[in-house]
N, C-alpha and C. Protein backbone atom coordinates (compact mmCIF):
# COMPACT_ATOMS: atom_id res chain seq x y z
N UNK A 1 -76.78 -212.68 -21.59
CA UNK A 1 -77.81 -211.75 -22.02
C UNK A 1 -77.64 -211.49 -23.51
N UNK A 2 -77.53 -210.26 -23.95
CA UNK A 2 -77.47 -209.95 -25.37
C UNK A 2 -76.10 -209.42 -25.75
N UNK A 3 -75.81 -209.45 -27.04
CA UNK A 3 -74.55 -208.94 -27.55
C UNK A 3 -74.71 -207.47 -27.89
N UNK A 4 -73.81 -206.62 -27.42
CA UNK A 4 -73.90 -205.18 -27.63
C UNK A 4 -73.49 -204.76 -29.04
N UNK A 5 -72.98 -205.65 -29.86
CA UNK A 5 -72.60 -205.29 -31.22
C UNK A 5 -73.83 -205.21 -32.14
N UNK A 6 -74.95 -205.74 -31.68
CA UNK A 6 -76.17 -205.73 -32.49
C UNK A 6 -76.85 -204.37 -32.40
N UNK A 7 -77.61 -203.97 -33.44
CA UNK A 7 -78.33 -202.70 -33.39
C UNK A 7 -79.40 -202.67 -32.30
N UNK A 8 -80.02 -203.79 -32.01
CA UNK A 8 -81.02 -203.87 -30.94
C UNK A 8 -80.39 -204.72 -29.85
N UNK A 9 -80.38 -204.23 -28.62
CA UNK A 9 -79.64 -204.91 -27.57
C UNK A 9 -80.41 -205.99 -26.84
N UNK A 10 -81.71 -205.99 -26.90
CA UNK A 10 -82.44 -207.00 -26.16
C UNK A 10 -83.91 -206.98 -26.49
N UNK A 11 -84.64 -207.87 -25.85
CA UNK A 11 -86.07 -208.00 -26.07
C UNK A 11 -86.77 -208.00 -24.72
N UNK A 12 -87.77 -207.14 -24.59
CA UNK A 12 -88.58 -207.08 -23.38
C UNK A 12 -90.00 -207.45 -23.76
N UNK A 13 -90.53 -208.51 -23.16
CA UNK A 13 -91.89 -208.94 -23.47
C UNK A 13 -92.85 -208.34 -22.45
N UNK A 14 -94.01 -207.88 -22.96
CA UNK A 14 -95.03 -207.25 -22.14
C UNK A 14 -96.31 -208.06 -22.15
N UNK A 15 -97.10 -207.86 -21.09
CA UNK A 15 -98.47 -208.37 -20.99
C UNK A 15 -99.37 -207.18 -20.75
N UNK A 16 -100.56 -207.19 -21.31
CA UNK A 16 -101.50 -206.08 -21.15
C UNK A 16 -101.88 -205.93 -19.68
N UNK A 17 -101.81 -204.69 -19.20
CA UNK A 17 -102.26 -204.37 -17.85
C UNK A 17 -101.32 -204.74 -16.73
N UNK A 18 -100.13 -205.24 -17.04
CA UNK A 18 -99.18 -205.64 -16.00
C UNK A 18 -97.96 -204.73 -16.04
N UNK A 19 -97.62 -204.15 -14.89
CA UNK A 19 -96.44 -203.30 -14.81
C UNK A 19 -95.19 -204.14 -15.05
N UNK A 20 -94.25 -203.55 -15.74
CA UNK A 20 -92.97 -204.21 -16.03
C UNK A 20 -91.85 -203.29 -15.59
N UNK A 21 -90.91 -203.80 -14.83
CA UNK A 21 -89.76 -203.03 -14.35
C UNK A 21 -88.52 -203.53 -15.09
N UNK A 22 -87.69 -202.59 -15.58
CA UNK A 22 -86.50 -202.97 -16.33
C UNK A 22 -85.52 -201.81 -16.36
N UNK A 23 -84.30 -202.11 -16.80
CA UNK A 23 -83.24 -201.11 -16.89
C UNK A 23 -82.87 -200.91 -18.35
N UNK A 24 -82.67 -199.65 -18.74
CA UNK A 24 -82.20 -199.33 -20.08
C UNK A 24 -80.77 -198.82 -20.00
N UNK A 25 -79.95 -199.24 -20.95
CA UNK A 25 -78.55 -198.82 -21.03
C UNK A 25 -78.26 -198.32 -22.43
N UNK A 26 -77.29 -197.45 -22.54
CA UNK A 26 -76.79 -197.06 -23.84
C UNK A 26 -75.95 -198.21 -24.36
N UNK A 27 -75.61 -198.31 -25.59
CA UNK A 27 -75.84 -197.38 -26.67
C UNK A 27 -77.01 -197.75 -27.58
N UNK A 28 -77.59 -198.95 -27.42
CA UNK A 28 -78.62 -199.38 -28.37
C UNK A 28 -79.98 -199.50 -27.69
N UNK A 29 -81.05 -199.29 -28.46
CA UNK A 29 -82.40 -199.42 -27.88
C UNK A 29 -82.77 -200.88 -27.63
N UNK A 30 -83.72 -201.06 -26.74
CA UNK A 30 -84.29 -202.37 -26.46
C UNK A 30 -85.55 -202.52 -27.29
N UNK A 31 -85.79 -203.71 -27.79
CA UNK A 31 -87.01 -204.00 -28.52
C UNK A 31 -88.03 -204.52 -27.52
N UNK A 32 -89.24 -203.96 -27.56
CA UNK A 32 -90.32 -204.39 -26.68
C UNK A 32 -91.42 -204.99 -27.54
N UNK A 33 -92.09 -206.01 -27.03
CA UNK A 33 -93.08 -206.71 -27.85
C UNK A 33 -94.25 -207.18 -26.99
N UNK A 34 -95.40 -207.18 -27.61
CA UNK A 34 -96.61 -207.75 -27.02
C UNK A 34 -97.15 -208.77 -28.02
N UNK A 35 -97.33 -210.01 -27.56
CA UNK A 35 -97.87 -211.09 -28.40
C UNK A 35 -99.33 -211.35 -28.02
N UNK A 36 -100.02 -212.07 -28.87
CA UNK A 36 -101.36 -212.58 -28.58
C UNK A 36 -102.35 -211.48 -28.22
N UNK A 37 -102.37 -210.41 -29.01
CA UNK A 37 -103.32 -209.32 -28.79
C UNK A 37 -104.71 -209.81 -29.19
N UNK A 38 -105.67 -209.59 -28.33
CA UNK A 38 -107.05 -210.02 -28.58
C UNK A 38 -107.60 -209.36 -29.85
N UNK A 39 -108.46 -210.06 -30.55
CA UNK A 39 -109.00 -209.55 -31.82
C UNK A 39 -109.92 -208.35 -31.63
N UNK A 40 -110.43 -208.12 -30.41
CA UNK A 40 -111.31 -206.97 -30.19
C UNK A 40 -110.55 -205.69 -29.81
N UNK A 41 -109.23 -205.76 -29.69
CA UNK A 41 -108.42 -204.59 -29.34
C UNK A 41 -108.19 -203.74 -30.58
N UNK A 42 -108.50 -202.44 -30.48
CA UNK A 42 -108.31 -201.54 -31.62
C UNK A 42 -107.10 -200.62 -31.44
N UNK A 43 -106.73 -200.32 -30.19
CA UNK A 43 -105.51 -199.55 -29.98
C UNK A 43 -104.91 -199.85 -28.61
N UNK A 44 -103.61 -199.58 -28.51
CA UNK A 44 -102.86 -199.78 -27.28
C UNK A 44 -102.25 -198.46 -26.85
N UNK A 45 -102.14 -198.26 -25.55
CA UNK A 45 -101.41 -197.11 -25.02
C UNK A 45 -100.25 -197.67 -24.20
N UNK A 46 -99.04 -197.27 -24.58
CA UNK A 46 -97.84 -197.68 -23.87
C UNK A 46 -97.36 -196.49 -23.05
N UNK A 47 -97.19 -196.69 -21.74
CA UNK A 47 -96.71 -195.64 -20.84
C UNK A 47 -95.41 -196.11 -20.19
N UNK A 48 -94.41 -195.22 -20.16
CA UNK A 48 -93.14 -195.55 -19.53
C UNK A 48 -92.76 -194.42 -18.58
N UNK A 49 -92.28 -194.80 -17.40
CA UNK A 49 -91.92 -193.84 -16.36
C UNK A 49 -90.52 -194.16 -15.84
N UNK A 50 -89.71 -193.12 -15.71
CA UNK A 50 -88.37 -193.27 -15.16
C UNK A 50 -88.16 -192.17 -14.13
N UNK A 51 -87.14 -192.31 -13.33
CA UNK A 51 -86.87 -191.30 -12.32
C UNK A 51 -85.55 -190.61 -12.66
N UNK A 52 -85.59 -189.30 -12.80
CA UNK A 52 -84.43 -188.43 -12.99
C UNK A 52 -83.89 -188.37 -14.42
N UNK A 53 -83.94 -189.46 -15.19
CA UNK A 53 -83.35 -189.46 -16.53
C UNK A 53 -84.42 -189.76 -17.56
N UNK A 54 -84.30 -189.11 -18.72
CA UNK A 54 -85.25 -189.32 -19.81
C UNK A 54 -85.07 -190.68 -20.46
N UNK A 55 -86.19 -191.23 -20.90
CA UNK A 55 -86.19 -192.42 -21.75
C UNK A 55 -87.03 -192.09 -22.97
N UNK A 56 -86.85 -192.87 -24.02
CA UNK A 56 -87.57 -192.67 -25.26
C UNK A 56 -88.32 -193.93 -25.63
N UNK A 57 -89.57 -193.77 -26.04
CA UNK A 57 -90.36 -194.86 -26.61
C UNK A 57 -90.61 -194.48 -28.05
N UNK A 58 -90.44 -195.44 -28.98
CA UNK A 58 -90.47 -195.12 -30.40
C UNK A 58 -91.14 -196.22 -31.22
N UNK A 59 -91.70 -195.82 -32.35
CA UNK A 59 -92.25 -196.76 -33.32
C UNK A 59 -91.14 -197.42 -34.13
N UNK A 60 -89.95 -196.80 -34.18
CA UNK A 60 -88.85 -197.32 -35.01
C UNK A 60 -87.58 -197.50 -34.19
N UNK A 61 -86.70 -198.41 -34.60
CA UNK A 61 -85.48 -198.65 -33.83
C UNK A 61 -84.48 -197.50 -33.88
N UNK A 62 -84.65 -196.55 -34.79
CA UNK A 62 -83.71 -195.43 -34.89
C UNK A 62 -84.07 -194.29 -33.95
N UNK A 63 -85.17 -194.39 -33.21
CA UNK A 63 -85.60 -193.40 -32.21
C UNK A 63 -85.68 -191.99 -32.80
N UNK A 64 -86.34 -191.86 -33.94
CA UNK A 64 -86.52 -190.57 -34.61
C UNK A 64 -87.50 -189.70 -33.85
N UNK A 65 -87.28 -188.39 -33.87
CA UNK A 65 -88.12 -187.47 -33.10
C UNK A 65 -89.56 -187.43 -33.60
N UNK A 66 -89.81 -187.67 -34.89
CA UNK A 66 -91.18 -187.62 -35.40
C UNK A 66 -91.96 -188.92 -35.18
N UNK A 67 -91.32 -189.94 -34.62
CA UNK A 67 -92.02 -191.20 -34.36
C UNK A 67 -91.75 -191.70 -32.95
N UNK A 68 -91.44 -190.75 -32.03
CA UNK A 68 -91.12 -191.16 -30.67
C UNK A 68 -91.52 -190.07 -29.66
N UNK A 69 -91.41 -190.43 -28.40
CA UNK A 69 -91.67 -189.49 -27.30
C UNK A 69 -90.61 -189.71 -26.25
N UNK A 70 -90.04 -188.62 -25.74
CA UNK A 70 -88.96 -188.69 -24.76
C UNK A 70 -89.33 -187.90 -23.51
N UNK A 71 -89.02 -188.45 -22.35
CA UNK A 71 -89.26 -187.78 -21.08
C UNK A 71 -89.17 -188.75 -19.93
N UNK A 72 -89.50 -188.28 -18.73
CA UNK A 72 -89.52 -189.17 -17.56
C UNK A 72 -90.88 -189.83 -17.39
N UNK A 73 -91.88 -189.35 -18.11
CA UNK A 73 -93.22 -189.95 -18.13
C UNK A 73 -93.74 -189.79 -19.56
N UNK A 74 -93.51 -190.79 -20.39
CA UNK A 74 -93.85 -190.71 -21.81
C UNK A 74 -94.81 -191.81 -22.20
N UNK A 75 -95.41 -191.64 -23.37
CA UNK A 75 -96.30 -192.67 -23.87
C UNK A 75 -96.57 -192.50 -25.34
N UNK A 76 -97.02 -193.58 -25.96
CA UNK A 76 -97.43 -193.58 -27.36
C UNK A 76 -98.71 -194.38 -27.51
N UNK A 77 -99.51 -193.99 -28.50
CA UNK A 77 -100.72 -194.72 -28.85
C UNK A 77 -100.41 -195.53 -30.10
N UNK A 78 -100.74 -196.81 -30.08
CA UNK A 78 -100.54 -197.70 -31.21
C UNK A 78 -101.91 -198.11 -31.73
N UNK A 79 -102.26 -197.65 -32.92
CA UNK A 79 -103.52 -198.04 -33.55
C UNK A 79 -103.25 -199.33 -34.32
N UNK A 80 -104.02 -200.35 -34.01
CA UNK A 80 -103.77 -201.67 -34.59
C UNK A 80 -104.53 -201.87 -35.89
N UNK A 81 -103.93 -202.63 -36.78
CA UNK A 81 -104.60 -203.05 -38.01
C UNK A 81 -105.56 -204.18 -37.66
N UNK A 82 -106.60 -204.38 -38.46
CA UNK A 82 -107.49 -205.53 -38.20
C UNK A 82 -106.68 -206.84 -38.18
N UNK A 83 -106.98 -207.68 -37.23
CA UNK A 83 -106.34 -208.98 -37.07
C UNK A 83 -104.88 -208.90 -36.63
N UNK A 84 -104.36 -207.73 -36.27
CA UNK A 84 -102.98 -207.62 -35.78
C UNK A 84 -102.91 -208.25 -34.40
N UNK A 85 -102.00 -209.20 -34.20
CA UNK A 85 -101.90 -209.90 -32.92
C UNK A 85 -100.56 -209.67 -32.21
N UNK A 86 -99.66 -208.91 -32.83
CA UNK A 86 -98.37 -208.61 -32.24
C UNK A 86 -98.06 -207.13 -32.46
N UNK A 87 -97.46 -206.49 -31.47
CA UNK A 87 -97.06 -205.09 -31.60
C UNK A 87 -95.64 -204.96 -31.06
N UNK A 88 -94.80 -204.21 -31.79
CA UNK A 88 -93.41 -204.02 -31.42
C UNK A 88 -93.11 -202.53 -31.34
N UNK A 89 -92.32 -202.13 -30.36
CA UNK A 89 -91.86 -200.76 -30.24
C UNK A 89 -90.46 -200.81 -29.64
N UNK A 90 -89.82 -199.65 -29.51
CA UNK A 90 -88.42 -199.59 -29.12
C UNK A 90 -88.23 -198.59 -27.98
N UNK A 91 -87.36 -198.95 -27.05
CA UNK A 91 -87.12 -198.15 -25.86
C UNK A 91 -85.64 -197.84 -25.75
N UNK A 92 -85.33 -196.60 -25.40
CA UNK A 92 -83.92 -196.24 -25.29
C UNK A 92 -83.69 -195.08 -24.36
N UNK A 93 -82.41 -194.80 -24.11
CA UNK A 93 -82.01 -193.66 -23.31
C UNK A 93 -80.74 -193.07 -23.90
N UNK A 94 -80.57 -191.78 -23.73
CA UNK A 94 -79.34 -191.14 -24.16
C UNK A 94 -78.45 -190.82 -22.97
N UNK A 95 -78.94 -191.16 -21.78
CA UNK A 95 -78.17 -190.89 -20.57
C UNK A 95 -76.94 -191.78 -20.46
N UNK A 96 -75.96 -191.31 -19.72
CA UNK A 96 -74.72 -192.06 -19.55
C UNK A 96 -74.91 -193.22 -18.57
N UNK A 97 -75.69 -192.98 -17.53
CA UNK A 97 -75.95 -193.99 -16.51
C UNK A 97 -77.14 -194.87 -16.91
N UNK A 98 -77.19 -196.13 -16.46
CA UNK A 98 -78.37 -196.95 -16.69
C UNK A 98 -79.61 -196.30 -16.07
N UNK A 99 -80.76 -196.50 -16.69
CA UNK A 99 -82.00 -195.88 -16.25
C UNK A 99 -82.99 -196.96 -15.83
N UNK A 100 -83.50 -196.85 -14.61
CA UNK A 100 -84.54 -197.76 -14.12
C UNK A 100 -85.89 -197.26 -14.62
N UNK A 101 -86.71 -198.17 -15.13
CA UNK A 101 -88.00 -197.81 -15.72
C UNK A 101 -89.12 -198.71 -15.20
N UNK A 102 -90.31 -198.16 -15.28
CA UNK A 102 -91.53 -198.90 -15.03
C UNK A 102 -92.44 -198.59 -16.22
N UNK A 103 -93.05 -199.61 -16.81
CA UNK A 103 -93.92 -199.39 -17.96
C UNK A 103 -95.16 -200.27 -17.85
N UNK A 104 -96.20 -199.83 -18.54
CA UNK A 104 -97.44 -200.59 -18.60
C UNK A 104 -98.05 -200.39 -19.98
N UNK A 105 -98.72 -201.41 -20.43
CA UNK A 105 -99.39 -201.40 -21.73
C UNK A 105 -100.87 -201.63 -21.48
N UNK A 106 -101.70 -200.70 -21.95
CA UNK A 106 -103.15 -200.79 -21.76
C UNK A 106 -103.82 -200.99 -23.12
N UNK A 107 -104.84 -201.84 -23.16
CA UNK A 107 -105.54 -202.10 -24.42
C UNK A 107 -106.95 -201.53 -24.37
N UNK A 108 -107.44 -201.14 -25.54
CA UNK A 108 -108.77 -200.56 -25.67
C UNK A 108 -109.45 -201.13 -26.90
N UNK A 109 -110.76 -201.36 -26.78
CA UNK A 109 -111.55 -201.81 -27.93
C UNK A 109 -112.34 -200.63 -28.48
N UNK A 110 -113.01 -200.83 -29.58
CA UNK A 110 -113.78 -199.73 -30.18
C UNK A 110 -114.92 -199.27 -29.30
N UNK A 111 -115.33 -200.06 -28.32
CA UNK A 111 -116.43 -199.67 -27.44
C UNK A 111 -115.97 -198.92 -26.20
N UNK A 112 -114.67 -198.93 -25.93
CA UNK A 112 -114.15 -198.22 -24.77
C UNK A 112 -114.10 -196.72 -25.02
N UNK A 113 -114.30 -195.92 -23.96
CA UNK A 113 -114.16 -194.47 -24.14
C UNK A 113 -112.69 -194.12 -24.39
N UNK A 114 -112.47 -193.08 -25.17
CA UNK A 114 -111.10 -192.65 -25.44
C UNK A 114 -110.55 -192.00 -24.18
N UNK A 115 -109.38 -192.46 -23.71
CA UNK A 115 -108.82 -191.92 -22.45
C UNK A 115 -108.34 -190.50 -22.61
């Protein structure tokens, strides 16, 4: 798998609209990525759910409070730049035990209603 000496411990690839199940461990965050974003997508909503222990989803690998959300049911909105075809975010936990998670990534175009 991955080396724990690195600042980012692994890579989780996502597909739009498909649930992904994975485990998060301390001490380093996991990098999550979505490739091949359609050109008509204007924003993404990332939702992560865990049971009993908090997880954090963040725009940056340092999991700063002003660029992240922490809880057992958290999410972030990613507004895409024109022609952006890849999006990266970071997932982590501060819990001592490994945390089981379920996440989904939803895409929206400018014609979709705001959820």
